[in-house]
Amino acid sequence: MECRLLQSLCHRYRESLVCAVAWAQIEVGAACNAFRHSAATHMIENGADCRELQEYLGHADLSTTQVYLEVTQTQLKKTYAKTYPAAIAGKRLTKGEVASYLYHF
């Protein structure tokens, strides 16, 4: 039920977006891909399941969807702030620490 509602909302949103893109005279192919990628990234960062994202994007194969599962720095900082004892105690994560962690990840 939730999936059908999501698809219906996305379809209506897509229609509105197509009108706005046409009005703004933006190249449609680039705008659609940027929108899909941004939406997928935001969904993953806010807790969407990989299978839900696969359904939303209409991918037949899960491996196509897994491109969106890379850890973003935003997500890494959120996880660090919620789970790491030093962060809970008030220590902030530096850019060097983020880069170091991503290098080893």
Protein backbone atom coordinates (compact mmCIF):
# COMPACT_ATOMS: atom_id res chain seq x y z
CA MET A 1 0.00 0.00 0.00
CA GLU A 2 2.73 2.50 0.94
CA CYS A 3 4.62 1.71 -2.27
CA ARG A 4 1.56 2.48 -4.44
CA LEU A 5 0.99 5.73 -2.59
CA LEU A 6 4.65 6.67 -3.07
CA GLN A 7 4.45 5.87 -6.78
CA SER A 8 1.30 7.98 -7.14
CA LEU A 9 2.87 10.93 -5.32
CA CYS A 10 6.06 10.62 -7.37
CA HIS A 11 4.06 10.55 -10.61
CA ARG A 12 2.19 13.75 -9.66
CA TYR A 13 5.43 15.38 -8.52
CA ARG A 14 7.12 14.35 -11.77
CA GLU A 15 4.38 16.03 -13.80
CA SER A 16 4.85 19.26 -11.85
CA LEU A 17 8.61 19.01 -12.20
CA VAL A 18 8.41 18.49 -15.98
CA CYS A 19 6.33 21.68 -16.29
CA ALA A 20 8.77 23.65 -14.14
CA VAL A 21 11.80 22.38 -16.08
CA ALA A 22 10.15 23.27 -19.40
CA TRP A 23 9.25 26.74 -18.12
CA ALA A 24 12.84 27.30 -16.92
CA GLN A 25 14.22 26.03 -20.27
CA ILE A 26 16.57 23.56 -18.57
CA GLU A 27 17.92 20.62 -20.56
CA VAL A 28 15.48 17.87 -19.62
CA GLY A 29 17.87 14.89 -19.66
CA ALA A 30 20.35 16.51 -17.30
CA ALA A 31 17.64 17.82 -14.96
CA CYS A 32 15.92 14.44 -14.66
CA ASN A 33 19.13 12.58 -13.90
CA ALA A 34 20.21 15.17 -11.35
CA PHE A 35 16.79 15.03 -9.70
CA ARG A 36 16.77 11.21 -9.57
CA HIS A 37 20.28 11.09 -8.12
CA SER A 38 19.55 13.81 -5.54
CA ALA A 39 16.27 12.21 -4.49
CA ALA A 40 17.88 8.77 -4.16
CA THR A 41 20.79 10.14 -2.13
CA HIS A 42 18.47 12.02 0.23
CA MET A 43 16.28 8.94 0.67
CA ILE A 44 19.30 6.79 1.59
CA GLU A 45 20.63 9.45 3.98
CA ASN A 46 17.26 9.55 5.71
CA GLY A 47 16.96 5.81 6.21
CA ALA A 48 15.33 4.39 3.08
CA ASP A 49 15.84 0.68 2.57
CA CYS A 50 17.75 -0.43 -0.54
CA ARG A 51 14.75 -2.44 -1.81
CA GLU A 52 12.45 0.56 -1.35
CA LEU A 53 14.87 2.71 -3.30
CA GLN A 54 15.07 0.06 -6.01
CA GLU A 55 11.28 0.16 -6.36
CA TYR A 56 11.20 3.96 -6.37
CA LEU A 57 13.85 4.20 -9.09
CA GLY A 58 12.35 1.35 -11.11
CA HIS A 59 15.58 -0.65 -11.28
CA ALA A 60 15.17 -4.29 -12.31
CA ASP A 61 18.49 -5.30 -10.76
CA LEU A 62 19.50 -4.45 -7.19
CA SER A 63 23.14 -3.95 -8.20
CA THR A 64 22.08 -0.87 -10.20
CA THR A 65 20.59 0.64 -7.05
CA GLN A 66 23.65 -0.12 -4.92
CA VAL A 67 25.51 2.79 -6.55
CA TYR A 68 23.52 5.05 -4.23
CA LEU A 69 24.64 3.22 -1.10
CA GLU A 70 28.09 4.78 -0.88
CA VAL A 71 28.67 6.44 2.48
CA THR A 72 28.41 10.20 2.20
CA GLN A 73 30.31 12.53 4.51
CA THR A 74 26.98 13.85 5.78
CA GLN A 75 25.84 10.36 6.74
CA LEU A 76 29.21 9.54 8.28
CA LYS A 77 29.05 12.67 10.48
CA LYS A 78 25.48 11.84 11.59
CA THR A 79 26.46 8.28 12.51
CA TYR A 80 29.59 9.48 14.29
CA ALA A 81 27.62 12.04 16.30
CA LYS A 82 25.05 9.46 17.39
CA THR A 83 27.31 6.52 18.16
CA TYR A 84 30.92 7.45 18.92
CA PRO A 85 31.65 8.09 22.63
CA ALA A 86 33.94 11.06 21.94
CA ALA A 87 31.24 12.71 19.84
CA ILE A 88 28.63 12.11 22.48
CA ALA A 89 31.01 13.77 24.95
CA GLY A 90 31.25 16.81 22.67
CA LYS A 91 34.34 16.21 20.48
CA ARG A 92 33.86 17.35 16.87
CA LEU A 93 35.02 15.31 13.88
CA THR A 94 37.72 17.13 11.86
CA LYS A 95 38.01 16.99 8.07
CA GLY A 96 41.26 15.05 8.44
CA GLU A 97 39.56 12.44 10.61
CA VAL A 98 36.75 12.10 8.06
CA ALA A 99 39.25 11.68 5.22
CA SER A 100 41.26 9.17 7.23
CA TYR A 101 38.17 7.13 8.06
CA LEU A 102 36.92 7.14 4.45
CA TYR A 103 40.38 6.10 3.23
CA HIS A 104 40.31 3.01 5.48
CA PHE A 105 36.64 2.28 4.74
